[in-house]
Amino acid sequence: MVQDAREKVHQSVTAIEQTTQLVKEISDSSKEQSAGVSQINIAVSQMDTTTQQNATLVEQSAVASASMAEQARALRESVAVFRTDDKGAGTAA
């Protein structure tokens, strides 16, 4: 009976040691996962910043494009007052 009790205590101690090891491994894995999630959050934040910068550049490009279109229209109007004689164009004198 003492031998039987000794064996049961030994089995309990072994099971507790295995459980302790598993809990430690779970804890380590959780720490790694937390670090990974943190890195993902940083990457997403950087992507968000870049997206906002790109949106600003697109807006600026649209404004510049509209300004150039207006300048081109004004230039066409300014040049329209000039008349050219197409007769003899391209012939040598």
C-alpha atoms as a PDB file:
ATOM      1  CA  MET A   1       0.000   0.000   0.000  1.00  0.00           C
ATOM      2  CA  VAL A   2       2.849   2.410   0.776  1.00  0.00           C
ATOM      3  CA  GLN A   3       4.449   1.495  -2.527  1.00  0.00           C
ATOM      4  CA  ASP A   4       1.151   2.191  -4.267  1.00  0.00           C
ATOM      5  CA  ALA A   5       0.855   5.592  -2.575  1.00  0.00           C
ATOM      6  CA  ARG A   6       4.467   6.379  -3.448  1.00  0.00           C
ATOM      7  CA  GLU A   7       3.762   5.560  -7.114  1.00  0.00           C
ATOM      8  CA  LYS A   8       0.627   7.757  -7.135  1.00  0.00           C
ATOM      9  CA  VAL A   9       2.556  10.696  -5.622  1.00  0.00           C
ATOM     10  CA  HIS A  10       5.317  10.206  -8.206  1.00  0.00           C
ATOM     11  CA  GLN A  11       2.744  10.173 -11.013  1.00  0.00           C
ATOM     12  CA  SER A  12       1.139  13.323  -9.581  1.00  0.00           C
ATOM     13  CA  VAL A  13       4.475  15.105  -9.388  1.00  0.00           C
ATOM     14  CA  THR A  14       5.280  14.076 -12.979  1.00  0.00           C
ATOM     15  CA  ALA A  15       1.865  15.294 -14.168  1.00  0.00           C
ATOM     16  CA  ILE A  16       2.332  18.614 -12.339  1.00  0.00           C
ATOM     17  CA  GLU A  17       5.785  19.076 -13.890  1.00  0.00           C
ATOM     18  CA  GLN A  18       4.352  18.364 -17.354  1.00  0.00           C
ATOM     19  CA  THR A  19       1.488  20.790 -16.722  1.00  0.00           C
ATOM     20  CA  THR A  20       3.940  23.453 -15.538  1.00  0.00           C
ATOM     21  CA  GLN A  21       5.989  22.967 -18.712  1.00  0.00           C
ATOM     22  CA  LEU A  22       2.873  23.249 -20.893  1.00  0.00           C
ATOM     23  CA  VAL A  23       1.766  26.431 -19.106  1.00  0.00           C
ATOM     24  CA  LYS A  24       5.259  27.900 -19.623  1.00  0.00           C
ATOM     25  CA  GLU A  25       5.149  27.034 -23.337  1.00  0.00           C
ATOM     26  CA  ILE A  26       1.692  28.598 -23.641  1.00  0.00           C
ATOM     27  CA  SER A  27       2.965  31.725 -21.882  1.00  0.00           C
ATOM     28  CA  ASP A  28       5.980  31.939 -24.198  1.00  0.00           C
ATOM     29  CA  SER A  29       3.761  31.470 -27.238  1.00  0.00           C
ATOM     30  CA  SER A  30       1.420  34.195 -26.014  1.00  0.00           C
ATOM     31  CA  LYS A  31       4.358  36.590 -25.632  1.00  0.00           C
ATOM     32  CA  GLU A  32       5.518  35.802 -29.184  1.00  0.00           C
ATOM     33  CA  GLN A  33       2.003  36.268 -30.511  1.00  0.00           C
ATOM     34  CA  SER A  34       1.687  39.585 -28.691  1.00  0.00           C
ATOM     35  CA  ALA A  35       4.969  40.770 -30.205  1.00  0.00           C
ATOM     36  CA  GLY A  36       3.758  39.695 -33.656  1.00  0.00           C
ATOM     37  CA  VAL A  37       0.468  41.556 -33.242  1.00  0.00           C
ATOM     38  CA  SER A  38       2.393  44.626 -32.125  1.00  0.00           C
ATOM     39  CA  GLN A  39       4.530  44.483 -35.278  1.00  0.00           C
ATOM     40  CA  ILE A  40       1.398  44.140 -37.402  1.00  0.00           C
ATOM     41  CA  ASN A  41      -0.130  47.174 -35.687  1.00  0.00           C
ATOM     42  CA  ILE A  42       2.990  49.198 -36.451  1.00  0.00           C
ATOM     43  CA  ALA A  43       2.912  48.098 -40.104  1.00  0.00           C
ATOM     44  CA  VAL A  44      -0.794  48.946 -40.435  1.00  0.00           C
ATOM     45  CA  SER A  45      -0.174  52.350 -38.875  1.00  0.00           C
ATOM     46  CA  GLN A  46       2.653  53.021 -41.336  1.00  0.00           C
ATOM     47  CA  MET A  47       0.435  51.929 -44.235  1.00  0.00           C
ATOM     48  CA  ASP A  48      -2.315  54.258 -43.000  1.00  0.00           C
ATOM     49  CA  THR A  49       0.128  57.168 -42.847  1.00  0.00           C
ATOM     50  CA  THR A  50       1.364  56.414 -46.365  1.00  0.00           C
ATOM     51  CA  THR A  51      -2.211  56.157 -47.647  1.00  0.00           C
ATOM     52  CA  GLN A  52      -3.047  59.552 -46.135  1.00  0.00           C
ATOM     53  CA  GLN A  53       0.064  61.067 -47.703  1.00  0.00           C
ATOM     54  CA  ASN A  54      -0.873  59.576 -51.084  1.00  0.00           C
ATOM     55  CA  ALA A  55      -4.412  60.976 -50.777  1.00  0.00           C
ATOM     56  CA  THR A  56      -2.957  64.415 -50.093  1.00  0.00           C
ATOM     57  CA  LEU A  57      -0.690  64.120 -53.137  1.00  0.00           C
ATOM     58  CA  VAL A  58      -3.644  63.096 -55.305  1.00  0.00           C
ATOM     59  CA  GLU A  59      -5.605  66.132 -54.120  1.00  0.00           C
ATOM     60  CA  GLN A  60      -2.649  68.414 -54.836  1.00  0.00           C
ATOM     61  CA  SER A  61      -2.231  66.852 -58.289  1.00  0.00           C
ATOM     62  CA  ALA A  62      -5.910  67.422 -59.053  1.00  0.00           C
ATOM     63  CA  VAL A  63      -5.643  71.092 -58.048  1.00  0.00           C
ATOM     64  CA  ALA A  64      -2.466  71.523 -60.124  1.00  0.00           C
ATOM     65  CA  SER A  65      -4.109  69.785 -63.080  1.00  0.00           C
ATOM     66  CA  ALA A  66      -7.151  72.057 -62.901  1.00  0.00           C
ATOM     67  CA  SER A  67      -4.865  75.105 -62.689  1.00  0.00           C
ATOM     68  CA  MET A  68      -2.888  73.969 -65.730  1.00  0.00           C
ATOM     69  CA  ALA A  69      -6.099  73.379 -67.665  1.00  0.00           C
ATOM     70  CA  GLU A  70      -7.231  76.928 -66.854  1.00  0.00           C
ATOM     71  CA  GLN A  71      -3.837  78.335 -67.864  1.00  0.00           C
ATOM     72  CA  ALA A  72      -3.990  76.387 -71.151  1.00  0.00           C
ATOM     73  CA  ARG A  73      -7.481  77.775 -71.829  1.00  0.00           C
ATOM     74  CA  ALA A  74      -6.286  81.324 -71.099  1.00  0.00           C
ATOM     75  CA  LEU A  75      -3.250  80.806 -73.352  1.00  0.00           C
ATOM     76  CA  ARG A  76      -5.481  79.559 -76.208  1.00  0.00           C
ATOM     77  CA  GLU A  77      -7.614  82.679 -75.841  1.00  0.00           C
ATOM     78  CA  SER A  78      -4.530  84.909 -75.852  1.00  0.00           C
ATOM     79  CA  VAL A  79      -3.081  83.245 -78.954  1.00  0.00           C
ATOM     80  CA  ALA A  80      -6.430  83.277 -80.791  1.00  0.00           C
ATOM     81  CA  VAL A  81      -6.060  86.996 -81.534  1.00  0.00           C
ATOM     82  CA  PHE A  82      -3.112  86.317 -83.809  1.00  0.00           C
ATOM     83  CA  ARG A  83      -3.914  85.600 -87.436  1.00  0.00           C
ATOM     84  CA  THR A  84      -1.583  83.730 -89.733  1.00  0.00           C
ATOM     85  CA  ASP A  85      -1.713  83.510 -93.472  1.00  0.00           C
ATOM     86  CA  ASP A  86      -1.635  79.866 -94.491  1.00  0.00           C
ATOM     87  CA  LYS A  87      -0.785  80.753 -98.118  1.00  0.00           C
ATOM     88  CA  GLY A  88       2.718  79.780 -98.979  1.00  0.00           C
ATOM     89  CA  ALA A  89       3.314  78.041 -95.719  1.00  0.00           C
ATOM     90  CA  GLY A  90       5.979  75.402 -96.062  1.00  0.00           C
ATOM     91  CA  THR A  91       7.274  76.628 -99.460  1.00  0.00           C
ATOM     92  CA  ALA A  92      10.801  77.860-100.020  1.00  0.00           C
ATOM     93  CA  ALA A  93      11.261  81.502-100.948  1.00  0.00           C
END
